[in-house]
Amino acid sequence: MGRILKKYRISTLLWSAVLFFIMGGCYFLAVLCLGRVQKTSGIITVMLEGSPLSGKEAQEILTREEEQEDFVQSCFWGELPGVELVCRETAKISRTLAIVTKGNPELVMSGTVSLQWQEDGCFLDTQTAEELFGTQQAAGQRLWCEEKSYTVCGTFDSLRRVMVRQAEPQDGACLDTISLHTPKEETLEAVWSIQVAKSSAGSAEQFLMRNALTGEVAEFTLPGVVAGDLLLILPLFLAATIFYFFLKSGKKASARGEKWFCFVAAFAVMAAALWLILQYWRIPQDMIPSKWSDFTFWSDWWNRQRQNLLRILGSAQGEMQLMLLWNLLVSFVANLIALFSGMAFVKKLKEINI
């Protein structure tokens, strides 16, 4: 009987170790992906209504915007599917999606800011570069697209086969989307010192009004805030477990010094958990009603968020937006796996009375 219990204890310890590493690894991945999301949290996407703009029209708007005091960095862009790229040296051909831009392309694809000053330059995804040139490091190589040559300025990892270049006159009116960079998210000290995340849609609406444009704004304020708040669940769950352990140990302790140590440790854990909530828990600003007696507020708020989510999912395009959605999804899933692994880990520890 003792041998069976010993084997069971060893097996439980091994499972506890496995669950601990799964919990830690998944939680680290969730934090890493959320960090990538927050790096681009100031970039919002506007889907223009009506006819798309040409490169010339977009450049006129950009020139006027540079004269504004509240200048907002922006990039007009559109997608051209099925573009044929040719490398004459290797005689290789690849069909890709061309993202044509006018403005700061860094807002559409990270690392492409130099393209703003290079009319004959382009960036390729690594798969397309390897197919055309036999290497992923294709900077400096030349390719042809519709009888015009482009110099590859660099490559990037992508979920799709993509070429990023500046809009040309022959592209016509194809710029149907705007990416805007608003100042980094500001926070307000609200009731109980909880931080309130401001929406960045206001800057986009002002930009559209100044330039007589109309469009639908897809912002990621709420998904980003929710993903960040969900990351607090696992630390708070572990803190509650440790708090309960010290409280229970303090009640069982016979020595006065041991009892006081357990109670002080429990208080310290509770204080750390409270600090974590006050420091990192955020509430979207548009979730706070102007009047608490406004009972239609929550239904209106839910309808707005539902429409915004449908816009995000229904019009996801551009590498920045796709990667942002991907990182949000990975953060959600990894955080859930870490949470369930943490619960199973605590349960295993209770089984072996640690």
Protein backbone atom coordinates (compact mmCIF):
# COMPACT_ATOMS: atom_id res chain seq x y z
CA MET A 1 0.00 0.00 0.00
CA GLY A 2 2.85 2.37 0.87
CA ARG A 3 4.54 1.67 -2.47
CA ILE A 4 1.32 2.49 -4.35
CA LEU A 5 0.93 5.76 -2.46
CA LYS A 6 4.57 6.63 -3.20
CA LYS A 7 4.08 6.00 -6.94
CA TYR A 8 0.89 8.05 -6.89
CA ARG A 9 2.70 10.92 -5.14
CA ILE A 10 5.56 10.85 -7.68
CA SER A 11 3.07 10.77 -10.56
CA THR A 12 1.17 13.70 -9.06
CA LEU A 13 4.40 15.67 -8.63
CA LEU A 14 5.34 15.06 -12.27
CA TRP A 15 1.90 16.15 -13.45
CA SER A 16 2.15 19.24 -11.24
CA ALA A 17 5.49 20.14 -12.84
CA VAL A 18 4.06 19.67 -16.35
CA LEU A 19 1.02 21.81 -15.54
CA PHE A 20 3.25 24.49 -13.99
CA PHE A 21 5.40 24.76 -17.13
CA ILE A 22 2.31 24.81 -19.38
CA MET A 23 0.80 27.54 -17.21
CA GLY A 24 3.99 29.62 -17.23
CA GLY A 25 4.68 29.15 -20.94
CA CYS A 26 1.15 29.98 -22.07
CA TYR A 27 0.92 32.98 -19.76
CA PHE A 28 4.24 34.31 -21.08
CA LEU A 29 2.95 33.86 -24.65
CA ALA A 30 -0.29 35.69 -23.79
CA VAL A 31 1.63 38.64 -22.29
CA LEU A 32 4.02 38.71 -25.27
CA CYS A 33 1.17 38.82 -27.82
CA LEU A 34 -0.69 41.48 -25.84
CA GLY A 35 2.50 43.56 -25.79
CA ARG A 36 2.58 43.39 -29.59
CA VAL A 37 -1.05 44.52 -29.68
CA GLN A 38 -0.35 47.48 -27.39
CA LYS A 39 2.54 48.60 -29.62
CA THR A 40 0.00 49.27 -32.37
CA SER A 41 -2.86 50.32 -30.10
CA GLY A 42 -2.65 53.90 -31.41
CA ILE A 43 -3.30 52.80 -35.01
CA ILE A 44 -6.95 52.75 -36.06
CA THR A 45 -8.47 51.79 -39.41
CA VAL A 46 -11.13 53.69 -41.34
CA MET A 47 -13.00 52.05 -44.24
CA LEU A 48 -13.97 54.86 -46.60
CA GLU A 49 -17.53 55.03 -47.91
CA GLY A 50 -18.25 55.92 -51.51
CA SER A 51 -15.66 55.89 -54.28
CA PRO A 52 -12.01 55.06 -53.46
CA LEU A 53 -9.38 57.78 -53.80
CA SER A 54 -6.55 58.00 -56.29
CA GLY A 55 -2.95 58.53 -55.25
CA LYS A 56 -3.12 62.18 -56.33
CA GLU A 57 -6.25 62.87 -54.25
CA ALA A 58 -4.71 61.16 -51.22
CA GLN A 59 -1.51 63.20 -51.58
CA GLU A 60 -3.50 66.46 -51.62
CA ILE A 61 -5.17 65.48 -48.33
CA LEU A 62 -1.82 64.51 -46.79
CA THR A 63 -0.31 67.85 -47.82
CA ARG A 64 -3.20 69.76 -46.20
CA GLU A 65 -2.95 67.65 -43.04
CA GLU A 66 0.72 68.53 -42.57
CA GLU A 67 -0.32 72.17 -42.14
CA GLN A 68 -2.72 71.35 -39.29
CA GLU A 69 -1.76 72.00 -35.67
CA ASP A 70 -3.32 68.71 -34.58
CA PHE A 71 -1.52 66.83 -37.38
CA VAL A 72 -2.37 63.13 -37.47
CA GLN A 73 -0.03 60.66 -39.16
CA SER A 74 -1.97 58.77 -41.80
CA CYS A 75 -1.68 56.35 -44.69
CA PHE A 76 -4.19 55.82 -47.49
CA TRP A 77 -4.04 52.34 -48.92
CA GLY A 78 -5.84 49.67 -50.89
CA GLU A 79 -5.38 46.09 -52.04
CA LEU A 80 -4.86 44.85 -55.60
CA PRO A 81 -5.28 41.06 -55.81
CA GLY A 82 -3.55 38.75 -58.30
CA VAL A 83 -0.58 40.98 -59.19
CA GLU A 84 2.11 39.17 -61.21
CA LEU A 85 5.72 39.66 -60.09
CA VAL A 86 8.63 38.58 -62.30
CA CYS A 87 12.33 38.13 -61.58
CA ARG A 88 14.09 38.23 -64.95
CA GLU A 89 17.37 36.89 -63.57
CA THR A 90 15.83 33.66 -62.24
CA ALA A 91 12.87 33.58 -64.68
CA LYS A 92 10.56 32.99 -61.71
CA ILE A 93 6.98 34.30 -61.54
CA SER A 94 4.81 34.80 -58.47
CA ARG A 95 1.25 36.05 -58.10
CA THR A 96 0.69 38.07 -54.94
CA LEU A 97 -1.55 40.62 -53.32
CA ALA A 98 -0.27 44.18 -53.78
CA ILE A 99 -0.91 46.67 -50.98
CA VAL A 100 -0.50 50.13 -52.51
CA THR A 101 -0.01 53.05 -50.14
CA LYS A 102 0.16 56.81 -50.06
CA GLY A 103 1.47 58.29 -46.83
CA ASN A 104 3.35 56.55 -44.03
CA PRO A 105 3.35 52.80 -44.89
CA GLU A 106 4.63 52.00 -41.39
CA LEU A 107 1.00 52.28 -40.27
CA VAL A 108 0.07 49.41 -42.60
CA MET A 109 3.12 47.17 -42.34
CA SER A 110 5.74 47.50 -39.61
CA GLY A 111 9.26 48.14 -40.88
CA THR A 112 8.32 49.73 -44.21
CA VAL A 113 8.72 53.41 -43.28
CA SER A 114 11.58 53.87 -45.81
CA LEU A 115 9.12 53.15 -48.62
CA GLN A 116 7.62 56.60 -48.08
CA TRP A 117 10.59 58.19 -49.89
CA GLN A 118 11.28 55.48 -52.48
CA GLU A 119 8.87 55.57 -55.41
CA ASP A 120 10.48 52.55 -57.11
CA GLY A 121 10.90 50.51 -53.93
CA CYS A 122 8.83 47.67 -52.52
CA PHE A 123 8.69 45.21 -49.64
CA LEU A 124 7.92 41.50 -50.03
CA ASP A 125 6.85 38.75 -47.68
CA THR A 126 9.54 36.13 -47.11
CA GLN A 127 7.69 33.36 -49.00
CA THR A 128 7.39 35.43 -52.17
CA ALA A 129 11.01 36.57 -51.89
CA GLU A 130 12.23 32.98 -51.61
CA GLU A 131 10.08 31.90 -54.56
CA LEU A 132 11.42 34.68 -56.79
CA PHE A 133 15.05 34.97 -55.69
CA GLY A 134 15.76 31.71 -53.84
CA THR A 135 16.42 33.53 -50.57
CA GLN A 136 14.39 35.33 -47.91
CA GLN A 137 17.04 38.07 -47.62
CA ALA A 138 16.19 39.75 -50.92
CA ALA A 139 17.02 43.40 -50.14
CA GLY A 140 18.61 45.04 -53.19
CA GLN A 141 17.13 42.60 -55.71
CA ARG A 142 15.03 43.86 -58.62
CA LEU A 143 11.69 42.58 -59.84
CA TRP A 144 9.22 43.56 -62.52
CA CYS A 145 5.53 44.27 -62.12
CA GLU A 146 3.47 45.28 -65.15
CA GLU A 147 6.54 46.39 -67.12
CA LYS A 148 7.90 48.50 -64.28
CA SER A 149 10.89 47.52 -62.19
CA TYR A 150 11.04 47.81 -58.41
CA THR A 151 13.94 47.48 -55.99
CA VAL A 152 13.24 45.24 -53.01
CA CYS A 153 13.90 47.30 -49.87
CA GLY A 154 13.34 44.44 -47.43
CA THR A 155 11.22 41.45 -46.48
CA PHE A 156 8.81 40.65 -43.66
CA ASP A 157 6.92 37.68 -42.25
CA SER A 158 3.30 37.61 -43.31
CA LEU A 159 0.21 35.42 -43.15
CA ARG A 160 -0.26 36.05 -46.88
CA ARG A 161 1.81 36.56 -50.04
CA VAL A 162 2.10 40.34 -50.17
CA MET A 163 3.91 43.11 -51.97
CA VAL A 164 3.84 46.60 -50.42
CA ARG A 165 4.61 49.58 -52.66
CA GLN A 166 3.57 53.17 -53.26
CA ALA A 167 0.45 53.90 -55.29
CA GLU A 168 1.12 54.63 -58.97
CA PRO A 169 -0.97 56.78 -61.36
CA GLN A 170 -1.85 53.67 -63.39
CA ASP A 171 -3.42 52.09 -60.29
CA GLY A 172 -6.31 54.53 -60.57
CA ALA A 173 -8.72 55.11 -57.68
CA CYS A 174 -7.97 52.14 -55.43
CA LEU A 175 -7.27 53.66 -52.00
CA ASP A 176 -10.34 52.74 -49.96
CA THR A 177 -8.85 52.50 -46.45
CA ILE A 178 -7.03 54.86 -44.09
CA SER A 179 -4.76 53.95 -41.20
CA LEU A 180 -4.38 56.74 -38.64
CA HIS A 181 -1.89 57.00 -35.81
CA THR A 182 -3.32 58.68 -32.73
CA PRO A 183 -1.27 59.58 -29.63
CA LYS A 184 -0.54 56.66 -27.34
CA GLU A 185 -3.51 55.70 -25.18
CA GLU A 186 -4.02 58.13 -22.33
CA THR A 187 -5.56 57.12 -19.04
CA LEU A 188 -7.66 59.00 -16.51
CA GLU A 189 -7.87 58.46 -12.80
CA ALA A 190 -11.50 57.44 -12.28
CA VAL A 191 -13.48 56.39 -9.22
CA TRP A 192 -11.50 54.11 -6.88
CA SER A 193 -8.35 55.01 -8.88
CA ILE A 194 -9.26 52.56 -11.67
CA GLN A 195 -7.66 53.63 -14.96
CA VAL A 196 -10.01 54.55 -17.79
CA ALA A 197 -8.89 53.83 -21.38
CA LYS A 198 -9.85 56.58 -23.79
CA SER A 199 -11.30 55.74 -27.18
CA SER A 200 -9.27 56.93 -30.18
CA ALA A 201 -12.26 57.15 -32.55
CA GLY A 202 -12.60 60.90 -31.94
CA SER A 203 -9.34 61.72 -33.73
CA ALA A 204 -10.42 59.67 -36.74
CA GLU A 205 -13.80 61.42 -36.93
CA GLN A 206 -12.13 64.84 -36.80
CA PHE A 207 -9.74 63.78 -39.58
CA LEU A 208 -12.67 62.70 -41.76
CA MET A 209 -14.62 65.92 -41.10
CA ARG A 210 -11.63 68.14 -41.95
CA ASN A 211 -11.19 66.44 -45.31
CA ALA A 212 -14.89 65.98 -46.23
CA LEU A 213 -14.62 62.19 -46.05
CA THR A 214 -16.99 59.61 -44.64
CA GLY A 215 -16.18 56.16 -43.40
CA GLU A 216 -16.59 53.53 -40.72
CA VAL A 217 -14.04 53.44 -37.92
CA ALA A 218 -12.83 50.06 -36.68
CA GLU A 219 -11.05 50.50 -33.36
CA PHE A 220 -9.48 47.95 -31.06
CA THR A 221 -9.81 49.78 -27.74
CA LEU A 222 -12.33 47.37 -26.20
CA PRO A 223 -10.71 44.08 -27.40
CA GLY A 224 -7.30 45.30 -26.20
CA VAL A 225 -8.64 46.36 -22.79
CA VAL A 226 -10.55 43.08 -22.35
CA ALA A 227 -7.47 41.03 -23.27
CA GLY A 228 -5.38 42.99 -20.75
CA ASP A 229 -7.97 42.62 -18.00
CA LEU A 230 -8.25 38.87 -18.61
CA LEU A 231 -4.51 38.54 -18.00
CA LEU A 232 -5.16 39.59 -14.39
CA ILE A 233 -7.35 36.55 -13.67
CA LEU A 234 -4.51 34.02 -13.31
CA PRO A 235 -2.33 36.15 -10.96
CA LEU A 236 -5.39 37.00 -8.86
CA PHE A 237 -6.42 33.33 -8.71
CA LEU A 238 -2.92 32.32 -7.57
CA ALA A 239 -2.91 35.20 -5.08
CA ALA A 240 -6.27 34.03 -3.67
CA THR A 241 -4.90 30.48 -3.36
CA ILE A 242 -1.78 31.66 -1.52
CA PHE A 243 -3.89 33.95 0.69
CA TYR A 244 -6.15 31.04 1.65
CA PHE A 245 -3.10 28.83 2.33
CA PHE A 246 -1.51 31.35 4.72
CA LEU A 247 -4.86 32.06 6.40
CA LYS A 248 -5.50 28.36 6.94
CA SER A 249 -1.93 27.76 8.16
CA GLY A 250 -2.21 30.70 10.57
CA LYS A 251 -5.37 29.27 12.14
CA LYS A 252 -3.71 25.87 12.59
CA ALA A 253 -0.39 27.24 13.89
CA SER A 254 0.23 26.72 17.59
CA ALA A 255 3.25 29.01 18.01
CA ARG A 256 2.47 32.71 18.35
CA GLY A 257 5.31 33.78 16.03
CA GLU A 258 4.30 31.33 13.31
CA LYS A 259 0.67 32.47 13.55
CA TRP A 260 1.62 36.14 13.17
CA PHE A 261 3.93 35.35 10.25
CA CYS A 262 1.12 33.58 8.37
CA PHE A 263 -1.36 36.41 8.98
CA VAL A 264 1.16 39.09 7.90
CA ALA A 265 2.02 37.06 4.77
CA ALA A 266 -1.70 36.72 3.96
CA PHE A 267 -2.18 40.48 4.36
CA ALA A 268 0.85 41.15 2.11
CA VAL A 269 -0.56 38.87 -0.61
CA MET A 270 -3.95 40.61 -0.39
CA ALA A 271 -2.27 44.04 -0.63
CA ALA A 272 -0.25 42.91 -3.68
CA ALA A 273 -3.44 41.67 -5.38
CA LEU A 274 -5.19 44.98 -4.69
CA TRP A 275 -2.20 46.91 -6.09
CA LEU A 276 -2.28 44.71 -9.21
CA ILE A 277 -5.94 45.56 -9.80
CA LEU A 278 -5.45 49.31 -9.30
CA GLN A 279 -2.32 49.37 -11.45
CA TYR A 280 -3.37 47.31 -14.46
CA TRP A 281 -7.15 46.95 -14.56
CA ARG A 282 -8.67 49.29 -17.14
CA ILE A 283 -12.19 50.26 -18.11
CA PRO A 284 -13.04 51.63 -21.58
CA GLN A 285 -14.19 55.22 -21.29
CA ASP A 286 -17.36 54.59 -23.29
CA MET A 287 -18.45 52.01 -20.70
CA ILE A 288 -19.01 54.76 -18.14
CA PRO A 289 -22.49 56.33 -18.52
CA SER A 290 -22.88 60.08 -18.18
CA LYS A 291 -26.02 59.44 -16.10
CA TRP A 292 -26.41 56.30 -14.03
CA SER A 293 -30.19 56.58 -14.43
CA ASP A 294 -29.86 56.12 -18.22
CA PHE A 295 -31.13 52.54 -18.53
CA THR A 296 -30.79 52.50 -22.34
CA PHE A 297 -27.05 53.14 -22.09
CA TRP A 298 -25.97 49.50 -21.88
CA SER A 299 -28.13 48.31 -24.78
CA ASP A 300 -26.82 51.18 -26.94
CA TRP A 301 -23.25 50.46 -25.85
CA TRP A 302 -23.60 46.76 -26.68
CA ASN A 303 -25.02 47.56 -30.13
CA ARG A 304 -22.10 49.91 -30.86
CA GLN A 305 -19.52 47.34 -29.78
CA ARG A 306 -21.24 44.58 -31.73
CA GLN A 307 -21.21 46.70 -34.88
CA ASN A 308 -17.56 47.60 -34.31
CA LEU A 309 -16.64 43.92 -33.86
CA LEU A 310 -18.50 42.99 -37.06
CA ARG A 311 -16.61 45.74 -38.91
CA ILE A 312 -13.29 44.41 -37.61
CA LEU A 313 -14.04 40.80 -38.55
CA GLY A 314 -15.77 41.61 -41.81
CA SER A 315 -13.16 44.01 -43.20
CA ALA A 316 -9.91 42.70 -41.75
CA GLN A 317 -7.22 43.57 -44.26
CA GLY A 318 -3.74 44.98 -44.27
CA GLU A 319 -0.88 43.28 -42.50
CA MET A 320 -1.00 45.46 -39.39
CA GLN A 321 -4.69 44.76 -38.79
CA LEU A 322 -4.37 41.03 -39.54
CA MET A 323 -1.39 40.64 -37.20
CA LEU A 324 -3.22 42.63 -34.53
CA LEU A 325 -6.22 40.29 -34.78
CA TRP A 326 -3.91 37.25 -34.74
CA ASN A 327 -2.05 38.45 -31.64
CA LEU A 328 -5.33 39.21 -29.87
CA LEU A 329 -6.61 35.71 -30.64
CA VAL A 330 -3.38 34.04 -29.48
CA SER A 331 -3.40 36.13 -26.30
CA PHE A 332 -7.00 35.12 -25.49
CA VAL A 333 -6.41 31.40 -26.16
CA ALA A 334 -3.02 31.22 -24.41
CA ASN A 335 -4.43 33.03 -21.38
CA LEU A 336 -7.35 30.57 -21.13
CA ILE A 337 -4.98 27.59 -21.37
CA ALA A 338 -2.75 29.14 -18.69
CA LEU A 339 -5.77 29.74 -16.44
CA PHE A 340 -7.10 26.18 -16.70
CA SER A 341 -3.56 24.79 -16.26
CA GLY A 342 -3.18 26.95 -13.15
CA MET A 343 -6.42 25.63 -11.69
CA ALA A 344 -5.36 22.04 -12.41
CA PHE A 345 -1.92 22.77 -10.91
CA VAL A 346 -3.45 24.03 -7.66
CA LYS A 347 -5.74 21.00 -7.52
CA LYS A 348 -2.76 18.64 -7.91
CA LEU A 349 -0.90 20.44 -5.13
CA LYS A 350 -3.89 19.94 -2.83
CA GLU A 351 -3.89 16.21 -3.64
CA ILE A 352 -0.33 15.81 -2.35
CA ASN A 353 -0.93 18.20 0.58
CA ILE A 354 1.77 20.67 -0.35
